[in-house]
């Protein structure tokens, strides 16, 4: 019967194997692709029309995505007169920015991209930012926006969709990201603007929700098309505008939608940095 021989490795070979073995102290916390429930990873270069689309921010400063080259961007569609999702969307954005601030993330920008530039001028988005206590950027498109309205035929359709609200800079985003933005009738009776002089509104905007992460090279790297899942407190003024009896939401609004944690996970994946 043959005796089993003990395998002996040269010292240098043993050293190599030890160096290849996982270290007990190795960093196992590198960001991974977020779960499919959060959204989807992509890799699509932004066209020049999107990179160079013209905006202004709440201080009236001109803005483009191209000017932010080198930074990771979280882009989120919004409008100031949204009566259902946007107050929760912007509340989630505040939470995302707060976590980035706490982590001293200086190379990430959170930006709201307006989908109602006909009404949302510089003064309105500035008032909205102040109302919600925005700690992130709010942009609205510059240039001509066609007047929203309805023909008799549009109003008598089964699911009325109006016309107008078209802006070339917004259209570039719609074409690339596939955003649906529709002029639709107001409720009956119509909602009253939360901003002075508090006039009844003549139309509403139906739009897609979600968030989009752009890397520092100008590529779309991740997107989520869900509604904003939110728990917490929003502006009393906006809660009243939406017809809500409370501005405190203890249970999740829009369950199974996108969350601040999901958005942070997507940013971590794109930047390869943990926040």
C-alpha atoms as a PDB file:
ATOM      1  CA  UNK A   1       0.000   0.000   0.000  1.00  0.00           C
ATOM      2  CA  UNK A   2       1.374   3.356  -1.056  1.00  0.00           C
ATOM      3  CA  UNK A   3       1.877   5.993   1.580  1.00  0.00           C
ATOM      4  CA  UNK A   4       0.401   9.416   0.908  1.00  0.00           C
ATOM      5  CA  UNK A   5       3.103  12.010   0.568  1.00  0.00           C
ATOM      6  CA  UNK A   6       2.633  15.422   2.129  1.00  0.00           C
ATOM      7  CA  UNK A   7       2.695  18.116  -0.541  1.00  0.00           C
ATOM      8  CA  UNK A   8       5.413  20.632   0.188  1.00  0.00           C
ATOM      9  CA  UNK A   9       5.419  24.009  -1.629  1.00  0.00           C
ATOM     10  CA  UNK A  10       8.482  26.139  -2.112  1.00  0.00           C
ATOM     11  CA  UNK A  11       8.434  29.185   0.098  1.00  0.00           C
ATOM     12  CA  UNK A  12       7.986  31.590  -2.820  1.00  0.00           C
ATOM     13  CA  UNK A  13       4.989  29.612  -4.189  1.00  0.00           C
ATOM     14  CA  UNK A  14       3.298  29.570  -0.812  1.00  0.00           C
ATOM     15  CA  UNK A  15       3.822  33.304  -0.597  1.00  0.00           C
ATOM     16  CA  UNK A  16       2.119  33.832  -3.978  1.00  0.00           C
ATOM     17  CA  UNK A  17      -0.878  31.716  -3.014  1.00  0.00           C
ATOM     18  CA  UNK A  18      -1.281  33.631   0.225  1.00  0.00           C
ATOM     19  CA  UNK A  19      -1.206  36.922  -1.647  1.00  0.00           C
ATOM     20  CA  UNK A  20      -3.988  35.718  -3.977  1.00  0.00           C
ATOM     21  CA  UNK A  21      -6.230  34.477  -1.160  1.00  0.00           C
ATOM     22  CA  UNK A  22      -9.036  36.831  -0.010  1.00  0.00           C
ATOM     23  CA  UNK A  23      -7.871  38.905   2.916  1.00  0.00           C
ATOM     24  CA  UNK A  24      -9.923  39.028   6.068  1.00  0.00           C
ATOM     25  CA  UNK A  25      -9.475  42.773   5.860  1.00  0.00           C
ATOM     26  CA  UNK A  26     -10.272  43.127   2.135  1.00  0.00           C
ATOM     27  CA  UNK A  27     -12.867  45.777   1.201  1.00  0.00           C
ATOM     28  CA  UNK A  28     -15.973  43.789   0.318  1.00  0.00           C
ATOM     29  CA  UNK A  29     -18.235  46.868   0.282  1.00  0.00           C
ATOM     30  CA  UNK A  30     -17.665  48.088  -3.270  1.00  0.00           C
ATOM     31  CA  UNK A  31     -20.950  49.221  -4.893  1.00  0.00           C
ATOM     32  CA  UNK A  32     -22.837  46.646  -6.930  1.00  0.00           C
ATOM     33  CA  UNK A  33     -25.494  47.093  -9.617  1.00  0.00           C
ATOM     34  CA  UNK A  34     -28.734  47.904  -7.746  1.00  0.00           C
ATOM     35  CA  UNK A  35     -31.482  45.313  -7.703  1.00  0.00           C
ATOM     36  CA  UNK A  36     -33.869  45.307 -10.673  1.00  0.00           C
ATOM     37  CA  UNK A  37     -36.579  46.588  -8.342  1.00  0.00           C
ATOM     38  CA  UNK A  38     -34.633  49.874  -8.156  1.00  0.00           C
ATOM     39  CA  UNK A  39     -34.186  50.344 -11.893  1.00  0.00           C
ATOM     40  CA  UNK A  40     -31.947  49.370 -14.779  1.00  0.00           C
ATOM     41  CA  UNK A  41     -28.273  49.882 -15.594  1.00  0.00           C
ATOM     42  CA  UNK A  42     -27.576  51.241 -19.093  1.00  0.00           C
ATOM     43  CA  UNK A  43     -24.671  52.884 -20.908  1.00  0.00           C
ATOM     44  CA  UNK A  44     -25.867  55.461 -23.435  1.00  0.00           C
ATOM     45  CA  UNK A  45     -23.967  58.628 -24.392  1.00  0.00           C
ATOM     46  CA  UNK A  46     -26.040  61.784 -24.143  1.00  0.00           C
ATOM     47  CA  UNK A  47     -26.419  63.541 -27.520  1.00  0.00           C
ATOM     48  CA  UNK A  48     -25.288  67.136 -27.933  1.00  0.00           C
ATOM     49  CA  UNK A  49     -28.899  68.325 -27.914  1.00  0.00           C
ATOM     50  CA  UNK A  50     -29.294  67.081 -24.342  1.00  0.00           C
ATOM     51  CA  UNK A  51     -25.847  68.151 -23.149  1.00  0.00           C
ATOM     52  CA  UNK A  52     -26.304  71.660 -24.538  1.00  0.00           C
ATOM     53  CA  UNK A  53     -30.002  72.191 -23.772  1.00  0.00           C
ATOM     54  CA  UNK A  54     -30.439  75.631 -22.205  1.00  0.00           C
ATOM     55  CA  UNK A  55     -31.777  76.111 -18.667  1.00  0.00           C
ATOM     56  CA  UNK A  56     -31.794  78.660 -15.879  1.00  0.00           C
ATOM     57  CA  UNK A  57     -31.696  77.876 -12.180  1.00  0.00           C
ATOM     58  CA  UNK A  58     -33.464  79.523  -9.241  1.00  0.00           C
ATOM     59  CA  UNK A  59     -31.005  82.424  -9.268  1.00  0.00           C
ATOM     60  CA  UNK A  60     -31.389  83.013 -12.997  1.00  0.00           C
ATOM     61  CA  UNK A  61     -27.967  81.572 -13.799  1.00  0.00           C
ATOM     62  CA  UNK A  62     -27.695  79.820 -17.212  1.00  0.00           C
ATOM     63  CA  UNK A  63     -27.127  76.075 -16.913  1.00  0.00           C
ATOM     64  CA  UNK A  64     -26.329  73.127 -19.194  1.00  0.00           C
ATOM     65  CA  UNK A  65     -25.345  69.538 -18.518  1.00  0.00           C
ATOM     66  CA  UNK A  66     -22.253  70.058 -20.658  1.00  0.00           C
ATOM     67  CA  UNK A  67     -20.979  72.628 -18.158  1.00  0.00           C
ATOM     68  CA  UNK A  68     -21.072  69.946 -15.443  1.00  0.00           C
ATOM     69  CA  UNK A  69     -18.771  67.522 -17.263  1.00  0.00           C
ATOM     70  CA  UNK A  70     -16.783  65.467 -14.778  1.00  0.00           C
ATOM     71  CA  UNK A  71     -19.629  65.325 -12.268  1.00  0.00           C
ATOM     72  CA  UNK A  72     -22.135  62.550 -11.673  1.00  0.00           C
ATOM     73  CA  UNK A  73     -25.689  63.851 -12.067  1.00  0.00           C
ATOM     74  CA  UNK A  74     -28.985  62.642 -10.648  1.00  0.00           C
ATOM     75  CA  UNK A  75     -31.686  64.071 -12.938  1.00  0.00           C
ATOM     76  CA  UNK A  76     -35.337  64.033 -11.884  1.00  0.00           C
ATOM     77  CA  UNK A  77     -38.350  65.439 -13.814  1.00  0.00           C
ATOM     78  CA  UNK A  78     -40.662  67.769 -11.867  1.00  0.00           C
ATOM     79  CA  UNK A  79     -43.035  70.728 -12.141  1.00  0.00           C
ATOM     80  CA  UNK A  80     -44.096  73.198  -9.479  1.00  0.00           C
ATOM     81  CA  UNK A  81     -47.845  72.733 -10.028  1.00  0.00           C
ATOM     82  CA  UNK A  82     -47.954  68.940  -9.890  1.00  0.00           C
ATOM     83  CA  UNK A  83     -50.843  67.917  -7.658  1.00  0.00           C
ATOM     84  CA  UNK A  84     -49.951  64.310  -6.948  1.00  0.00           C
ATOM     85  CA  UNK A  85     -46.376  63.003  -7.328  1.00  0.00           C
ATOM     86  CA  UNK A  86     -43.910  65.906  -7.488  1.00  0.00           C
ATOM     87  CA  UNK A  87     -44.173  67.019  -3.840  1.00  0.00           C
ATOM     88  CA  UNK A  88     -43.083  63.497  -2.872  1.00  0.00           C
ATOM     89  CA  UNK A  89     -40.470  63.413  -5.649  1.00  0.00           C
ATOM     90  CA  UNK A  90     -38.805  66.616  -4.458  1.00  0.00           C
ATOM     91  CA  UNK A  91     -39.054  65.475  -0.830  1.00  0.00           C
ATOM     92  CA  UNK A  92     -37.114  62.338  -1.813  1.00  0.00           C
ATOM     93  CA  UNK A  93     -34.564  64.509  -3.601  1.00  0.00           C
ATOM     94  CA  UNK A  94     -34.031  66.504  -0.407  1.00  0.00           C
ATOM     95  CA  UNK A  95     -33.250  63.252   1.427  1.00  0.00           C
ATOM     96  CA  UNK A  96     -30.816  62.159  -1.293  1.00  0.00           C
ATOM     97  CA  UNK A  97     -28.983  65.477  -1.241  1.00  0.00           C
ATOM     98  CA  UNK A  98     -28.861  65.480   2.570  1.00  0.00           C
ATOM     99  CA  UNK A  99     -27.136  62.063   2.561  1.00  0.00           C
ATOM    100  CA  UNK A 100     -24.672  63.234  -0.103  1.00  0.00           C
ATOM    101  CA  UNK A 101     -23.951  66.363   1.933  1.00  0.00           C
ATOM    102  CA  UNK A 102     -23.345  64.291   5.056  1.00  0.00           C
ATOM    103  CA  UNK A 103     -20.858  62.190   3.068  1.00  0.00           C
ATOM    104  CA  UNK A 104     -19.169  65.334   1.680  1.00  0.00           C
ATOM    105  CA  UNK A 105     -19.886  64.212  -1.881  1.00  0.00           C
ATOM    106  CA  UNK A 106     -18.557  67.201  -3.824  1.00  0.00           C
ATOM    107  CA  UNK A 107     -18.655  65.638  -7.281  1.00  0.00           C
ATOM    108  CA  UNK A 108     -22.357  64.707  -7.436  1.00  0.00           C
ATOM    109  CA  UNK A 109     -25.199  67.063  -8.390  1.00  0.00           C
ATOM    110  CA  UNK A 110     -28.931  66.480  -7.803  1.00  0.00           C
ATOM    111  CA  UNK A 111     -30.983  68.408 -10.367  1.00  0.00           C
ATOM    112  CA  UNK A 112     -34.709  68.790 -10.977  1.00  0.00           C
ATOM    113  CA  UNK A 113     -35.528  69.150 -14.704  1.00  0.00           C
ATOM    114  CA  UNK A 114     -38.762  71.059 -15.298  1.00  0.00           C
ATOM    115  CA  UNK A 115     -41.483  69.655 -17.573  1.00  0.00           C
ATOM    116  CA  UNK A 116     -43.770  72.720 -17.495  1.00  0.00           C
ATOM    117  CA  UNK A 117     -41.570  75.596 -18.724  1.00  0.00           C
ATOM    118  CA  UNK A 118     -44.574  77.624 -19.918  1.00  0.00           C
ATOM    119  CA  UNK A 119     -45.531  78.365 -16.290  1.00  0.00           C
ATOM    120  CA  UNK A 120     -42.327  77.559 -14.422  1.00  0.00           C
ATOM    121  CA  UNK A 121     -40.163  80.613 -14.929  1.00  0.00           C
ATOM    122  CA  UNK A 122     -37.232  81.651 -12.743  1.00  0.00           C
ATOM    123  CA  UNK A 123     -39.353  83.364 -10.072  1.00  0.00           C
ATOM    124  CA  UNK A 124     -41.720  80.396  -9.765  1.00  0.00           C
ATOM    125  CA  UNK A 125     -39.031  77.746  -9.405  1.00  0.00           C
ATOM    126  CA  UNK A 126     -37.267  79.999  -6.890  1.00  0.00           C
ATOM    127  CA  UNK A 127     -40.496  80.286  -4.875  1.00  0.00           C
ATOM    128  CA  UNK A 128     -40.982  76.515  -5.084  1.00  0.00           C
ATOM    129  CA  UNK A 129     -37.421  75.882  -3.903  1.00  0.00           C
ATOM    130  CA  UNK A 130     -37.978  78.161  -0.922  1.00  0.00           C
ATOM    131  CA  UNK A 131     -41.338  76.541  -0.179  1.00  0.00           C
ATOM    132  CA  UNK A 132     -39.911  73.026   0.025  1.00  0.00           C
ATOM    133  CA  UNK A 133     -36.544  73.985   1.515  1.00  0.00           C
ATOM    134  CA  UNK A 134     -34.689  72.624  -1.508  1.00  0.00           C
ATOM    135  CA  UNK A 135     -31.044  71.740  -0.927  1.00  0.00           C
ATOM    136  CA  UNK A 136     -30.586  70.661  -4.561  1.00  0.00           C
ATOM    137  CA  UNK A 137     -30.766  72.422  -7.924  1.00  0.00           C
ATOM    138  CA  UNK A 138     -34.000  73.283  -9.728  1.00  0.00           C
ATOM    139  CA  UNK A 139     -33.750  74.065 -13.442  1.00  0.00           C
ATOM    140  CA  UNK A 140     -36.304  75.249 -15.980  1.00  0.00           C
ATOM    141  CA  UNK A 141     -35.876  75.515 -19.741  1.00  0.00           C
ATOM    142  CA  UNK A 142     -35.191  78.822 -21.484  1.00  0.00           C
ATOM    143  CA  UNK A 143     -36.479  79.842 -24.915  1.00  0.00           C
ATOM    144  CA  UNK A 144     -39.971  79.866 -26.384  1.00  0.00           C
ATOM    145  CA  UNK A 145     -42.610  77.481 -25.051  1.00  0.00           C
ATOM    146  CA  UNK A 146     -45.832  77.144 -27.025  1.00  0.00           C
ATOM    147  CA  UNK A 147     -49.069  78.035 -25.217  1.00  0.00           C
ATOM    148  CA  UNK A 148     -50.880  75.029 -23.682  1.00  0.00           C
ATOM    149  CA  UNK A 149     -54.558  74.718 -24.495  1.00  0.00           C
ATOM    150  CA  UNK A 150     -57.397  72.560 -25.824  1.00  0.00           C
ATOM    151  CA  UNK A 151     -59.527  72.443 -28.934  1.00  0.00           C
ATOM    152  CA  UNK A 152     -63.163  71.338 -28.696  1.00  0.00           C
ATOM    153  CA  UNK A 153     -62.216  68.043 -30.303  1.00  0.00           C
ATOM    154  CA  UNK A 154     -59.422  67.460 -27.796  1.00  0.00           C
ATOM    155  CA  UNK A 155     -61.736  68.152 -24.860  1.00  0.00           C
ATOM    156  CA  UNK A 156     -64.442  65.778 -26.093  1.00  0.00           C
ATOM    157  CA  UNK A 157     -62.028  62.850 -26.530  1.00  0.00           C
ATOM    158  CA  UNK A 158     -62.369  59.897 -24.162  1.00  0.00           C
ATOM    159  CA  UNK A 159     -58.999  60.712 -22.563  1.00  0.00           C
ATOM    160  CA  UNK A 160     -58.431  64.379 -23.398  1.00  0.00           C
ATOM    161  CA  UNK A 161     -54.913  65.489 -24.263  1.00  0.00           C
ATOM    162  CA  UNK A 162     -54.295  69.102 -25.185  1.00  0.00           C
ATOM    163  CA  UNK A 163     -51.581  70.809 -27.178  1.00  0.00           C
ATOM    164  CA  UNK A 164     -48.753  73.276 -26.518  1.00  0.00           C
ATOM    165  CA  UNK A 165     -46.211  73.279 -23.708  1.00  0.00           C
ATOM    166  CA  UNK A 166     -43.559  72.419 -26.300  1.00  0.00           C
ATOM    167  CA  UNK A 167     -40.042  73.728 -25.741  1.00  0.00           C
ATOM    168  CA  UNK A 168     -37.047  72.717 -27.877  1.00  0.00           C
ATOM    169  CA  UNK A 169     -34.782  72.243 -24.846  1.00  0.00           C
ATOM    170  CA  UNK A 170     -37.332  70.083 -23.040  1.00  0.00           C
ATOM    171  CA  UNK A 171     -38.009  68.180 -26.259  1.00  0.00           C
ATOM    172  CA  UNK A 172     -34.357  67.118 -26.436  1.00  0.00           C
ATOM    173  CA  UNK A 173     -34.750  65.442 -23.038  1.00  0.00           C
ATOM    174  CA  UNK A 174     -38.073  63.891 -24.016  1.00  0.00           C
ATOM    175  CA  UNK A 175     -36.609  62.429 -27.189  1.00  0.00           C
ATOM    176  CA  UNK A 176     -33.569  60.909 -25.483  1.00  0.00           C
ATOM    177  CA  UNK A 177     -35.010  59.712 -22.180  1.00  0.00           C
ATOM    178  CA  UNK A 178     -38.425  58.832 -23.613  1.00  0.00           C
ATOM    179  CA  UNK A 179     -40.304  61.121 -21.248  1.00  0.00           C
ATOM    180  CA  UNK A 180     -44.046  61.333 -21.725  1.00  0.00           C
ATOM    181  CA  UNK A 181     -45.280  64.884 -21.108  1.00  0.00           C
ATOM    182  CA  UNK A 182     -48.921  65.701 -21.896  1.00  0.00           C
ATOM    183  CA  UNK A 183     -51.152  68.727 -21.431  1.00  0.00           C
ATOM    184  CA  UNK A 184     -54.354  67.454 -19.797  1.00  0.00           C
ATOM    185  CA  UNK A 185     -57.482  69.144 -18.389  1.00  0.00           C
ATOM    186  CA  UNK A 186     -57.610  70.393 -14.838  1.00  0.00           C
ATOM    187  CA  UNK A 187     -59.903  68.783 -12.307  1.00  0.00           C
ATOM    188  CA  UNK A 188     -63.440  70.097 -11.935  1.00  0.00           C
ATOM    189  CA  UNK A 189     -63.498  72.371 -10.005  1.00  0.00           C
ATOM    190  CA  UNK A 190     -59.932  73.348 -10.931  1.00  0.00           C
ATOM    191  CA  UNK A 191     -57.168  73.497  -8.380  1.00  0.00           C
ATOM    192  CA  UNK A 192     -56.035  76.911  -7.182  1.00  0.00           C
ATOM    193  CA  UNK A 193     -52.402  77.918  -7.562  1.00  0.00           C
ATOM    194  CA  UNK A 194     -50.449  77.717  -4.285  1.00  0.00           C
ATOM    195  CA  UNK A 195     -48.591  80.886  -5.309  1.00  0.00           C
ATOM    196  CA  UNK A 196     -50.022  84.437  -5.284  1.00  0.00           C
ATOM    197  CA  UNK A 197     -52.240  85.695  -6.842  1.00  0.00           C
ATOM    198  CA  UNK A 198     -53.799  82.204  -6.246  1.00  0.00           C
ATOM    199  CA  UNK A 199     -55.666  81.883  -9.542  1.00  0.00           C
ATOM    200  CA  UNK A 200     -57.514  78.730 -10.675  1.00  0.00           C
ATOM    201  CA  UNK A 201     -55.358  76.592 -12.960  1.00  0.00           C
ATOM    202  CA  UNK A 202     -56.330  76.109 -16.607  1.00  0.00           C
ATOM    203  CA  UNK A 203     -54.455  72.886 -17.349  1.00  0.00           C
ATOM    204  CA  UNK A 204     -52.395  70.109 -15.774  1.00  0.00           C
ATOM    205  CA  UNK A 205     -49.331  68.172 -16.935  1.00  0.00           C
ATOM    206  CA  UNK A 206     -49.258  64.392 -17.080  1.00  0.00           C
ATOM    207  CA  UNK A 207     -45.626  63.248 -17.009  1.00  0.00           C
ATOM    208  CA  UNK A 208     -43.316  60.312 -16.393  1.00  0.00           C
ATOM    209  CA  UNK A 209     -41.588  59.979 -13.046  1.00  0.00           C
ATOM    210  CA  UNK A 210     -38.350  58.371 -11.915  1.00  0.00           C
ATOM    211  CA  UNK A 211     -34.690  59.348 -11.838  1.00  0.00           C
ATOM    212  CA  UNK A 212     -31.704  59.162 -14.181  1.00  0.00           C
ATOM    213  CA  UNK A 213     -27.993  58.929 -13.295  1.00  0.00           C
ATOM    214  CA  UNK A 214     -25.440  60.460 -15.684  1.00  0.00           C
ATOM    215  CA  UNK A 215     -21.728  59.780 -15.249  1.00  0.00           C
ATOM    216  CA  UNK A 216     -18.921  62.310 -15.487  1.00  0.00           C
ATOM    217  CA  UNK A 217     -18.296  61.467 -19.149  1.00  0.00           C
ATOM    218  CA  UNK A 218     -21.855  62.326 -20.173  1.00  0.00           C
ATOM    219  CA  UNK A 219     -23.334  58.823 -20.359  1.00  0.00           C
ATOM    220  CA  UNK A 220     -26.676  57.711 -18.976  1.00  0.00           C
ATOM    221  CA  UNK A 221     -25.747  54.839 -16.667  1.00  0.00           C
ATOM    222  CA  UNK A 222     -28.889  54.052 -14.672  1.00  0.00           C
ATOM    223  CA  UNK A 223     -32.572  54.896 -14.661  1.00  0.00           C
ATOM    224  CA  UNK A 224     -35.684  54.228 -12.611  1.00  0.00           C
ATOM    225  CA  UNK A 225     -39.138  54.836 -14.026  1.00  0.00           C
ATOM    226  CA  UNK A 226     -41.104  54.304 -10.825  1.00  0.00           C
ATOM    227  CA  UNK A 227     -43.223  56.672  -8.774  1.00  0.00           C
ATOM    228  CA  UNK A 228     -41.660  58.169  -5.642  1.00  0.00           C
ATOM    229  CA  UNK A 229     -42.098  56.046  -2.536  1.00  0.00           C
ATOM    230  CA  UNK A 230     -42.091  58.508   0.355  1.00  0.00           C
ATOM    231  CA  UNK A 231     -42.525  58.599   4.112  1.00  0.00           C
ATOM    232  CA  UNK A 232     -42.128  61.768   6.132  1.00  0.00           C
ATOM    233  CA  UNK A 233     -43.263  65.374   6.033  1.00  0.00           C
ATOM    234  CA  UNK A 234     -43.809  67.707   3.078  1.00  0.00           C
ATOM    235  CA  UNK A 235     -44.730  71.373   2.825  1.00  0.00           C
ATOM    236  CA  UNK A 236     -48.140  72.158   4.366  1.00  0.00           C
ATOM    237  CA  UNK A 237     -48.852  74.457   1.439  1.00  0.00           C
ATOM    238  CA  UNK A 238     -48.269  71.686  -1.091  1.00  0.00           C
ATOM    239  CA  UNK A 239     -50.241  69.157   0.955  1.00  0.00           C
ATOM    240  CA  UNK A 240     -53.182  71.571   0.929  1.00  0.00           C
ATOM    241  CA  UNK A 241     -52.686  72.160  -2.814  1.00  0.00           C
ATOM    242  CA  UNK A 242     -52.939  68.393  -3.379  1.00  0.00           C
ATOM    243  CA  UNK A 243     -56.134  68.229  -1.327  1.00  0.00           C
ATOM    244  CA  UNK A 244     -54.513  66.255   1.473  1.00  0.00           C
ATOM    245  CA  UNK A 245     -55.705  66.606   5.063  1.00  0.00           C
ATOM    246  CA  UNK A 246     -52.191  66.122   6.407  1.00  0.00           C
ATOM    247  CA  UNK A 247     -48.630  66.874   5.390  1.00  0.00           C
ATOM    248  CA  UNK A 248     -47.229  63.992   7.440  1.00  0.00           C
ATOM    249  CA  UNK A 249     -47.112  60.586   5.738  1.00  0.00           C
ATOM    250  CA  UNK A 250     -46.317  57.831   8.234  1.00  0.00           C
ATOM    251  CA  UNK A 251     -47.011  55.050   5.723  1.00  0.00           C
ATOM    252  CA  UNK A 252     -45.250  54.799   2.347  1.00  0.00           C
ATOM    253  CA  UNK A 253     -46.783  56.828  -0.470  1.00  0.00           C
ATOM    254  CA  UNK A 254     -46.671  54.962  -3.797  1.00  0.00           C
ATOM    255  CA  UNK A 255     -45.412  51.675  -2.382  1.00  0.00           C
ATOM    256  CA  UNK A 256     -42.767  49.828  -4.439  1.00  0.00           C
ATOM    257  CA  UNK A 257     -41.608  53.002  -6.209  1.00  0.00           C
ATOM    258  CA  UNK A 258     -38.201  54.676  -6.079  1.00  0.00           C
ATOM    259  CA  UNK A 259     -36.748  55.620  -2.720  1.00  0.00           C
ATOM    260  CA  UNK A 260     -33.872  57.856  -1.590  1.00  0.00           C
ATOM    261  CA  UNK A 261     -31.965  54.699  -0.684  1.00  0.00           C
ATOM    262  CA  UNK A 262     -32.461  53.335  -4.193  1.00  0.00           C
ATOM    263  CA  UNK A 263     -31.256  56.574  -5.765  1.00  0.00           C
ATOM    264  CA  UNK A 264     -28.180  56.593  -3.521  1.00  0.00           C
ATOM    265  CA  UNK A 265     -27.459  52.965  -4.477  1.00  0.00           C
ATOM    266  CA  UNK A 266     -27.615  53.937  -8.167  1.00  0.00           C
ATOM    267  CA  UNK A 267     -25.251  56.880  -7.596  1.00  0.00           C
ATOM    268  CA  UNK A 268     -22.859  54.599  -5.689  1.00  0.00           C
ATOM    269  CA  UNK A 269     -22.895  52.122  -8.549  1.00  0.00           C
ATOM    270  CA  UNK A 270     -22.045  54.806 -11.114  1.00  0.00           C
ATOM    271  CA  UNK A 271     -19.392  56.593  -9.015  1.00  0.00           C
ATOM    272  CA  UNK A 272     -17.977  53.425  -7.406  1.00  0.00           C
ATOM    273  CA  UNK A 273     -18.038  55.310  -4.107  1.00  0.00           C
ATOM    274  CA  UNK A 274     -20.052  54.458  -1.005  1.00  0.00           C
ATOM    275  CA  UNK A 275     -22.109  57.283   0.477  1.00  0.00           C
END
